[in-house]
Amino acid sequence: MSELFVSLPANQNGRDFVVGDVHGCFTELRQLLETVVFDGSRDRLFSVGDLVDRGPESRQVLEWLAKPWFYAVRGNHEQMALEFDLAQTDACERYLNNGGGWFICLAERDKQAYRDAFNRLPLAIELACEHGLIGLLHADCPLDDWNVLRAQLAQPEPWGKEGGKLLRQITWCRLRAKGMPRKPVVGVFMLCVGHTPQSRVRSIDNVWYLDTGGVYGRSLSMLQLDTLQTHSVNVADKGYSSDVMEG
């Protein structure tokens, strides 16, 4: 198990980018990096999770996670892989319906290699940039104060009695995205999340939603942190999945 919360220094030599939910569309991710002339010797790429499922290239995730310039938080789809148990029929069917067939069909030894990689992913990342502190989670911050979340995830037993609830909120929560009034997250300039597909990159309070539904035939989007410019590649001619219910 890795640290659940990771803090990174500012990138003094290059640019930082944050990409929305990839969902196995790594060909499109490569195209996106080509459009910005990404330089792995200087630039860094961050993911808000859900690198796998639904798209055709989920098995490539280990290759991406091994890149020294690539950082990701854990999404609900990585969490589903970690929790997968073939003996639990309902959970197995749910994961299959959410694009986990590629994982379910793996040999047990191969499953374990992916589990090990997903288990090393933190739930939250923070990094410094010229605008201030940037936070990354998959779905939303369950607490109003980023500093409190950092302290909570740094505890030896961070979950406590409410552990399952906190984990689920970090990886599954859609309340803000669906319009429920919430406060801006204190302690960060902005929080980058994915999980809930949007028609375009948009912000609610200081929370930026980067999942623009590439795997559903829309676009894969990436935010450049120094300029706050959005870069997107169209996936409209493919549409690997039409089910948007689970994120």
C-alpha atoms as a PDB file:
ATOM      1  CA  MET A   1       0.000   0.000   0.000  1.00  0.00           C
ATOM      2  CA  SER A   2       1.365   3.404  -0.923  1.00  0.00           C
ATOM      3  CA  GLU A   3       0.788   6.696   0.796  1.00  0.00           C
ATOM      4  CA  LEU A   4      -2.839   7.724   0.405  1.00  0.00           C
ATOM      5  CA  PHE A   5      -1.863  11.391   0.091  1.00  0.00           C
ATOM      6  CA  VAL A   6       1.124  12.548  -1.989  1.00  0.00           C
ATOM      7  CA  SER A   7       2.604  16.068  -2.058  1.00  0.00           C
ATOM      8  CA  LEU A   8       4.795  17.101  -4.995  1.00  0.00           C
ATOM      9  CA  PRO A   9       6.928  20.209  -5.503  1.00  0.00           C
ATOM     10  CA  ALA A  10       6.472  22.692  -8.321  1.00  0.00           C
ATOM     11  CA  ASN A  11       7.820  21.758 -11.741  1.00  0.00           C
ATOM     12  CA  GLN A  12      10.700  24.201 -12.170  1.00  0.00           C
ATOM     13  CA  ASN A  13      11.734  23.014 -15.641  1.00  0.00           C
ATOM     14  CA  GLY A  14       8.586  22.312 -17.636  1.00  0.00           C
ATOM     15  CA  ARG A  15       4.806  22.195 -17.754  1.00  0.00           C
ATOM     16  CA  ASP A  16       2.178  20.259 -15.810  1.00  0.00           C
ATOM     17  CA  PHE A  17      -0.968  18.804 -17.371  1.00  0.00           C
ATOM     18  CA  VAL A  18      -3.988  17.072 -15.811  1.00  0.00           C
ATOM     19  CA  VAL A  19      -6.036  14.685 -17.949  1.00  0.00           C
ATOM     20  CA  GLY A  20      -9.611  13.580 -17.351  1.00  0.00           C
ATOM     21  CA  ASP A  21     -10.868   9.989 -17.245  1.00  0.00           C
ATOM     22  CA  VAL A  22      -8.951   7.989 -19.875  1.00  0.00           C
ATOM     23  CA  HIS A  23     -10.921   4.719 -19.570  1.00  0.00           C
ATOM     24  CA  GLY A  24      -8.557   2.701 -21.731  1.00  0.00           C
ATOM     25  CA  CYS A  25      -8.301   5.273 -24.544  1.00  0.00           C
ATOM     26  CA  PHE A  26      -4.517   5.462 -24.509  1.00  0.00           C
ATOM     27  CA  THR A  27      -4.189   6.001 -28.265  1.00  0.00           C
ATOM     28  CA  GLU A  28      -6.174   9.204 -27.839  1.00  0.00           C
ATOM     29  CA  LEU A  29      -4.053  10.156 -24.829  1.00  0.00           C
ATOM     30  CA  ARG A  30      -0.924   9.845 -26.964  1.00  0.00           C
ATOM     31  CA  GLN A  31      -2.551  12.055 -29.597  1.00  0.00           C
ATOM     32  CA  LEU A  32      -3.371  14.602 -26.921  1.00  0.00           C
ATOM     33  CA  LEU A  33       0.235  14.691 -25.743  1.00  0.00           C
ATOM     34  CA  GLU A  34       1.411  15.121 -29.321  1.00  0.00           C
ATOM     35  CA  THR A  35      -0.793  18.198 -29.743  1.00  0.00           C
ATOM     36  CA  VAL A  36       1.010  19.964 -26.884  1.00  0.00           C
ATOM     37  CA  VAL A  37       4.459  18.634 -27.888  1.00  0.00           C
ATOM     38  CA  PHE A  38       4.773  16.942 -24.506  1.00  0.00           C
ATOM     39  CA  ASP A  39       8.380  16.508 -23.366  1.00  0.00           C
ATOM     40  CA  GLY A  40       8.786  13.718 -20.837  1.00  0.00           C
ATOM     41  CA  SER A  41      12.201  15.003 -19.799  1.00  0.00           C
ATOM     42  CA  ARG A  42      10.634  18.238 -18.491  1.00  0.00           C
ATOM     43  CA  ASP A  43       6.841  18.002 -18.423  1.00  0.00           C
ATOM     44  CA  ARG A  44       4.587  16.056 -16.062  1.00  0.00           C
ATOM     45  CA  LEU A  45       1.199  14.453 -16.697  1.00  0.00           C
ATOM     46  CA  PHE A  46      -1.335  13.873 -13.934  1.00  0.00           C
ATOM     47  CA  SER A  47      -4.473  11.737 -14.094  1.00  0.00           C
ATOM     48  CA  VAL A  48      -7.622  12.136 -11.997  1.00  0.00           C
ATOM     49  CA  GLY A  49      -8.168   8.371 -12.108  1.00  0.00           C
ATOM     50  CA  ASP A  50     -10.309   5.904 -14.043  1.00  0.00           C
ATOM     51  CA  LEU A  51      -7.482   5.005 -16.386  1.00  0.00           C
ATOM     52  CA  VAL A  52      -9.138   1.679 -17.162  1.00  0.00           C
ATOM     53  CA  ASP A  53     -12.409  -0.037 -18.180  1.00  0.00           C
ATOM     54  CA  ARG A  54     -14.811   0.543 -21.066  1.00  0.00           C
ATOM     55  CA  GLY A  55     -12.140   1.503 -23.619  1.00  0.00           C
ATOM     56  CA  PRO A  56     -10.084  -0.961 -25.710  1.00  0.00           C
ATOM     57  CA  GLU A  57      -6.595  -0.455 -24.266  1.00  0.00           C
ATOM     58  CA  SER A  58      -6.975  -0.891 -20.510  1.00  0.00           C
ATOM     59  CA  ARG A  59      -4.144  -3.434 -20.362  1.00  0.00           C
ATOM     60  CA  GLN A  60      -1.694  -0.683 -21.295  1.00  0.00           C
ATOM     61  CA  VAL A  61      -2.178   1.008 -17.933  1.00  0.00           C
ATOM     62  CA  LEU A  62       0.852  -0.700 -16.364  1.00  0.00           C
ATOM     63  CA  GLU A  63       3.057   0.740 -19.100  1.00  0.00           C
ATOM     64  CA  TRP A  64       1.761   4.236 -18.361  1.00  0.00           C
ATOM     65  CA  LEU A  65       2.030   3.932 -14.593  1.00  0.00           C
ATOM     66  CA  ALA A  66       5.698   2.982 -15.004  1.00  0.00           C
ATOM     67  CA  LYS A  67       6.543   6.262 -16.745  1.00  0.00           C
ATOM     68  CA  PRO A  68       8.550   8.566 -14.438  1.00  0.00           C
ATOM     69  CA  TRP A  69       6.619  11.669 -15.544  1.00  0.00           C
ATOM     70  CA  PHE A  70       3.132  10.177 -15.064  1.00  0.00           C
ATOM     71  CA  TYR A  71       1.179  10.461 -11.816  1.00  0.00           C
ATOM     72  CA  ALA A  72      -2.348   9.255 -11.075  1.00  0.00           C
ATOM     73  CA  VAL A  73      -4.847   9.122  -8.254  1.00  0.00           C
ATOM     74  CA  ARG A  74      -7.097   6.129  -7.769  1.00  0.00           C
ATOM     75  CA  GLY A  75     -10.523   6.258  -9.389  1.00  0.00           C
ATOM     76  CA  ASN A  76     -13.606   4.209  -8.658  1.00  0.00           C
ATOM     77  CA  HIS A  77     -12.737   1.857 -11.528  1.00  0.00           C
ATOM     78  CA  GLU A  78      -9.314   1.072 -10.089  1.00  0.00           C
ATOM     79  CA  GLN A  79     -11.055   0.592  -6.748  1.00  0.00           C
ATOM     80  CA  MET A  80     -13.555  -1.826  -8.312  1.00  0.00           C
ATOM     81  CA  ALA A  81     -10.642  -3.891  -9.631  1.00  0.00           C
ATOM     82  CA  LEU A  82      -9.110  -3.960  -6.156  1.00  0.00           C
ATOM     83  CA  GLU A  83     -12.392  -5.100  -4.623  1.00  0.00           C
ATOM     84  CA  PHE A  84     -13.273  -7.607  -7.347  1.00  0.00           C
ATOM     85  CA  ASP A  85     -14.118 -11.096  -6.125  1.00  0.00           C
ATOM     86  CA  LEU A  86     -15.340 -13.710  -8.605  1.00  0.00           C
ATOM     87  CA  ALA A  87     -17.214 -15.458  -5.800  1.00  0.00           C
ATOM     88  CA  GLN A  88     -19.411 -12.402  -5.234  1.00  0.00           C
ATOM     89  CA  THR A  89     -21.876 -12.686  -8.091  1.00  0.00           C
ATOM     90  CA  ASP A  90     -23.486  -9.256  -7.713  1.00  0.00           C
ATOM     91  CA  ALA A  91     -20.156  -7.415  -7.513  1.00  0.00           C
ATOM     92  CA  CYS A  92     -18.802  -9.403 -10.446  1.00  0.00           C
ATOM     93  CA  GLU A  93     -21.833  -8.561 -12.580  1.00  0.00           C
ATOM     94  CA  ARG A  94     -21.623  -4.908 -11.610  1.00  0.00           C
ATOM     95  CA  TYR A  95     -17.960  -4.662 -12.571  1.00  0.00           C
ATOM     96  CA  LEU A  96     -18.638  -6.469 -15.849  1.00  0.00           C
ATOM     97  CA  ASN A  97     -21.421  -3.995 -16.641  1.00  0.00           C
ATOM     98  CA  ASN A  98     -19.001  -1.149 -15.900  1.00  0.00           C
ATOM     99  CA  GLY A  99     -16.408  -2.267 -18.421  1.00  0.00           C
ATOM    100  CA  GLY A 100     -14.332  -4.578 -16.253  1.00  0.00           C
ATOM    101  CA  GLY A 101     -14.509  -7.572 -18.578  1.00  0.00           C
ATOM    102  CA  TRP A 102     -10.869  -7.184 -19.610  1.00  0.00           C
ATOM    103  CA  PHE A 103      -9.816  -7.558 -15.949  1.00  0.00           C
ATOM    104  CA  ILE A 104     -12.228 -10.354 -15.090  1.00  0.00           C
ATOM    105  CA  CYS A 105     -10.836 -12.468 -17.958  1.00  0.00           C
ATOM    106  CA  LEU A 106      -7.207 -12.156 -16.823  1.00  0.00           C
ATOM    107  CA  ALA A 107      -5.332 -15.038 -15.249  1.00  0.00           C
ATOM    108  CA  GLU A 108      -5.074 -14.637 -11.485  1.00  0.00           C
ATOM    109  CA  ARG A 109      -1.350 -13.877 -11.650  1.00  0.00           C
ATOM    110  CA  ASP A 110      -2.007 -11.073 -14.119  1.00  0.00           C
ATOM    111  CA  LYS A 111      -4.901  -9.751 -12.037  1.00  0.00           C
ATOM    112  CA  GLN A 112      -2.530  -9.463  -9.104  1.00  0.00           C
ATOM    113  CA  ALA A 113      -0.046  -7.387 -11.104  1.00  0.00           C
ATOM    114  CA  TYR A 114      -2.783  -4.842 -11.831  1.00  0.00           C
ATOM    115  CA  ARG A 115      -4.053  -4.938  -8.247  1.00  0.00           C
ATOM    116  CA  ASP A 116      -0.558  -4.237  -6.963  1.00  0.00           C
ATOM    117  CA  ALA A 117      -0.246  -1.234  -9.283  1.00  0.00           C
ATOM    118  CA  PHE A 118      -3.690   0.127  -8.395  1.00  0.00           C
ATOM    119  CA  ASN A 119      -3.061  -0.375  -4.691  1.00  0.00           C
ATOM    120  CA  ARG A 120      -0.005   1.865  -4.954  1.00  0.00           C
ATOM    121  CA  LEU A 121      -2.070   4.747  -6.308  1.00  0.00           C
ATOM    122  CA  PRO A 122      -2.788   7.507  -3.784  1.00  0.00           C
ATOM    123  CA  LEU A 123      -6.298   8.805  -3.262  1.00  0.00           C
ATOM    124  CA  ALA A 124      -5.116  12.411  -3.379  1.00  0.00           C
ATOM    125  CA  ILE A 125      -2.223  14.361  -4.857  1.00  0.00           C
ATOM    126  CA  GLU A 126      -1.295  17.980  -4.311  1.00  0.00           C
ATOM    127  CA  LEU A 127       1.260  19.957  -6.288  1.00  0.00           C
ATOM    128  CA  ALA A 128       2.485  23.511  -6.259  1.00  0.00           C
ATOM    129  CA  CYS A 129       2.194  25.757  -9.295  1.00  0.00           C
ATOM    130  CA  GLU A 130       2.385  29.479  -9.998  1.00  0.00           C
ATOM    131  CA  HIS A 131      -1.308  29.925  -9.191  1.00  0.00           C
ATOM    132  CA  GLY A 132      -1.062  28.201  -5.821  1.00  0.00           C
ATOM    133  CA  LEU A 133      -1.693  24.706  -4.521  1.00  0.00           C
ATOM    134  CA  ILE A 134      -3.497  22.291  -6.869  1.00  0.00           C
ATOM    135  CA  GLY A 135      -5.392  19.295  -5.495  1.00  0.00           C
ATOM    136  CA  LEU A 136      -6.291  16.131  -7.389  1.00  0.00           C
ATOM    137  CA  LEU A 137      -8.959  13.588  -6.462  1.00  0.00           C
ATOM    138  CA  HIS A 138     -11.140  11.365  -8.580  1.00  0.00           C
ATOM    139  CA  ALA A 139     -14.697  12.455  -7.738  1.00  0.00           C
ATOM    140  CA  ASP A 140     -14.820  15.257  -5.137  1.00  0.00           C
ATOM    141  CA  CYS A 141     -13.421  16.321  -1.792  1.00  0.00           C
ATOM    142  CA  PRO A 142     -15.634  15.005   1.019  1.00  0.00           C
ATOM    143  CA  LEU A 143     -14.386  17.728   3.380  1.00  0.00           C
ATOM    144  CA  ASP A 144     -14.566  21.511   3.077  1.00  0.00           C
ATOM    145  CA  ASP A 145     -10.901  21.939   4.017  1.00  0.00           C
ATOM    146  CA  TRP A 146      -8.090  20.328   2.005  1.00  0.00           C
ATOM    147  CA  ASN A 147      -5.768  20.561   5.008  1.00  0.00           C
ATOM    148  CA  VAL A 148      -8.145  18.439   7.062  1.00  0.00           C
ATOM    149  CA  LEU A 149      -8.274  15.817   4.309  1.00  0.00           C
ATOM    150  CA  ARG A 150      -4.476  15.762   4.135  1.00  0.00           C
ATOM    151  CA  ALA A 151      -4.262  15.221   7.890  1.00  0.00           C
ATOM    152  CA  GLN A 152      -6.928  12.520   7.775  1.00  0.00           C
ATOM    153  CA  LEU A 153      -5.229  10.528   5.017  1.00  0.00           C
ATOM    154  CA  ALA A 154      -1.874  10.793   6.808  1.00  0.00           C
ATOM    155  CA  GLN A 155      -3.192   8.957   9.868  1.00  0.00           C
ATOM    156  CA  PRO A 156      -1.950   5.381  10.478  1.00  0.00           C
ATOM    157  CA  GLU A 157      -5.576   4.256  10.245  1.00  0.00           C
ATOM    158  CA  PRO A 158      -7.130   7.036   8.145  1.00  0.00           C
ATOM    159  CA  TRP A 159     -10.492   5.426   7.655  1.00  0.00           C
ATOM    160  CA  GLY A 160     -11.580   4.950  11.258  1.00  0.00           C
ATOM    161  CA  LYS A 161     -15.247   4.150  11.803  1.00  0.00           C
ATOM    162  CA  GLU A 162     -16.241   6.225   8.777  1.00  0.00           C
ATOM    163  CA  GLY A 163     -13.553   4.742   6.547  1.00  0.00           C
ATOM    164  CA  GLY A 164     -15.770   3.159   3.947  1.00  0.00           C
ATOM    165  CA  LYS A 165     -17.828   6.318   3.645  1.00  0.00           C
ATOM    166  CA  LEU A 166     -14.768   8.543   3.150  1.00  0.00           C
ATOM    167  CA  LEU A 167     -13.270   6.255   0.509  1.00  0.00           C
ATOM    168  CA  ARG A 168     -16.551   6.084  -1.370  1.00  0.00           C
ATOM    169  CA  GLN A 169     -16.998   9.869  -1.299  1.00  0.00           C
ATOM    170  CA  ILE A 170     -13.508  10.457  -2.686  1.00  0.00           C
ATOM    171  CA  THR A 171     -14.012   7.987  -5.535  1.00  0.00           C
ATOM    172  CA  TRP A 172     -17.763   8.151  -6.225  1.00  0.00           C
ATOM    173  CA  CYS A 173     -19.351  11.426  -5.022  1.00  0.00           C
ATOM    174  CA  ARG A 174     -21.413  13.402  -7.567  1.00  0.00           C
ATOM    175  CA  LEU A 175     -23.289  15.831  -5.303  1.00  0.00           C
ATOM    176  CA  ARG A 176     -21.482  18.998  -6.394  1.00  0.00           C
ATOM    177  CA  ALA A 177     -21.506  17.931 -10.049  1.00  0.00           C
ATOM    178  CA  LYS A 178     -25.270  17.427  -9.877  1.00  0.00           C
ATOM    179  CA  GLY A 179     -25.844  20.906  -8.495  1.00  0.00           C
ATOM    180  CA  MET A 180     -26.132  20.347  -4.764  1.00  0.00           C
ATOM    181  CA  PRO A 181     -24.839  23.523  -3.071  1.00  0.00           C
ATOM    182  CA  ARG A 182     -21.415  23.004  -1.535  1.00  0.00           C
ATOM    183  CA  LYS A 183     -18.645  25.288  -0.364  1.00  0.00           C
ATOM    184  CA  PRO A 184     -15.409  25.849  -2.294  1.00  0.00           C
ATOM    185  CA  VAL A 185     -12.615  23.628  -1.024  1.00  0.00           C
ATOM    186  CA  VAL A 186     -10.473  25.674   1.366  1.00  0.00           C
ATOM    187  CA  GLY A 187      -6.697  25.269   1.219  1.00  0.00           C
ATOM    188  CA  VAL A 188      -6.235  24.849  -2.535  1.00  0.00           C
ATOM    189  CA  PHE A 189      -6.349  27.246  -5.456  1.00  0.00           C
ATOM    190  CA  MET A 190      -8.221  24.615  -7.423  1.00  0.00           C
ATOM    191  CA  LEU A 191      -9.238  20.974  -7.179  1.00  0.00           C
ATOM    192  CA  CYS A 192      -9.120  18.855 -10.350  1.00  0.00           C
ATOM    193  CA  VAL A 193     -11.518  15.903 -10.553  1.00  0.00           C
ATOM    194  CA  GLY A 194     -13.124  13.614 -13.107  1.00  0.00           C
ATOM    195  CA  HIS A 195     -15.762  10.894 -12.654  1.00  0.00           C
ATOM    196  CA  THR A 196     -18.858  12.792 -13.810  1.00  0.00           C
ATOM    197  CA  PRO A 197     -18.803  13.336 -17.608  1.00  0.00           C
ATOM    198  CA  GLN A 198     -19.335  16.918 -18.748  1.00  0.00           C
ATOM    199  CA  SER A 199     -19.986  18.400 -22.184  1.00  0.00           C
ATOM    200  CA  ARG A 200     -16.836  20.501 -21.688  1.00  0.00           C
ATOM    201  CA  VAL A 201     -14.254  21.210 -19.012  1.00  0.00           C
ATOM    202  CA  ARG A 202     -15.958  23.428 -16.437  1.00  0.00           C
ATOM    203  CA  SER A 203     -15.569  24.604 -12.863  1.00  0.00           C
ATOM    204  CA  ILE A 204     -18.026  24.644  -9.975  1.00  0.00           C
ATOM    205  CA  ASP A 205     -16.747  26.744  -7.082  1.00  0.00           C
ATOM    206  CA  ASN A 206     -13.004  26.012  -7.309  1.00  0.00           C
ATOM    207  CA  VAL A 207     -13.505  22.412  -8.453  1.00  0.00           C
ATOM    208  CA  TRP A 208     -12.638  21.724 -12.100  1.00  0.00           C
ATOM    209  CA  TYR A 209     -14.319  18.796 -13.870  1.00  0.00           C
ATOM    210  CA  LEU A 210     -12.052  17.299 -16.538  1.00  0.00           C
ATOM    211  CA  ASP A 211     -13.964  14.207 -17.689  1.00  0.00           C
ATOM    212  CA  THR A 212     -15.510  15.149 -21.043  1.00  0.00           C
ATOM    213  CA  GLY A 213     -16.678  11.650 -21.940  1.00  0.00           C
ATOM    214  CA  GLY A 214     -14.041  10.514 -24.407  1.00  0.00           C
ATOM    215  CA  VAL A 215     -14.912   6.849 -24.017  1.00  0.00           C
ATOM    216  CA  TYR A 216     -18.550   7.718 -24.787  1.00  0.00           C
ATOM    217  CA  GLY A 217     -17.669   9.228 -28.165  1.00  0.00           C
ATOM    218  CA  ARG A 218     -17.142  12.817 -27.042  1.00  0.00           C
ATOM    219  CA  SER A 219     -13.636  14.105 -26.274  1.00  0.00           C
ATOM    220  CA  LEU A 220     -10.662  13.404 -24.057  1.00  0.00           C
ATOM    221  CA  SER A 221      -9.566  16.606 -22.340  1.00  0.00           C
ATOM    222  CA  MET A 222      -6.483  17.825 -20.532  1.00  0.00           C
ATOM    223  CA  LEU A 223      -5.837  21.009 -18.555  1.00  0.00           C
ATOM    224  CA  GLN A 224      -2.502  22.833 -18.779  1.00  0.00           C
ATOM    225  CA  LEU A 225      -1.927  24.233 -15.311  1.00  0.00           C
ATOM    226  CA  ASP A 226       0.310  27.220 -16.037  1.00  0.00           C
ATOM    227  CA  THR A 227      -2.066  28.733 -18.609  1.00  0.00           C
ATOM    228  CA  LEU A 228      -5.325  27.045 -17.478  1.00  0.00           C
ATOM    229  CA  GLN A 229      -5.824  26.214 -21.157  1.00  0.00           C
ATOM    230  CA  THR A 230      -7.858  23.161 -22.126  1.00  0.00           C
ATOM    231  CA  HIS A 231      -6.603  20.760 -24.798  1.00  0.00           C
ATOM    232  CA  SER A 232      -8.954  18.141 -26.250  1.00  0.00           C
ATOM    233  CA  VAL A 233      -8.945  15.380 -28.835  1.00  0.00           C
ATOM    234  CA  ASN A 234     -12.176  14.258 -30.469  1.00  0.00           C
ATOM    235  CA  VAL A 235     -13.237  10.639 -29.992  1.00  0.00           C
ATOM    236  CA  ALA A 236     -16.628  11.121 -31.669  1.00  0.00           C
ATOM    237  CA  ASP A 237     -15.992   8.555 -34.389  1.00  0.00           C
ATOM    238  CA  LYS A 238     -15.505   5.738 -31.873  1.00  0.00           C
ATOM    239  CA  GLY A 239     -17.722   5.820 -28.791  1.00  0.00           C
ATOM    240  CA  TYR A 240     -16.500   2.669 -27.072  1.00  0.00           C
ATOM    241  CA  SER A 241     -19.263   2.784 -24.459  1.00  0.00           C
ATOM    242  CA  SER A 242     -22.732   4.274 -24.201  1.00  0.00           C
ATOM    243  CA  ASP A 243     -23.350   3.560 -20.504  1.00  0.00           C
ATOM    244  CA  VAL A 244     -22.711   6.699 -18.455  1.00  0.00           C
ATOM    245  CA  MET A 245     -24.497   5.708 -15.268  1.00  0.00           C
ATOM    246  CA  GLU A 246     -21.635   4.586 -13.048  1.00  0.00           C
ATOM    247  CA  GLY A 247     -18.773   6.894 -14.033  1.00  0.00           C
END
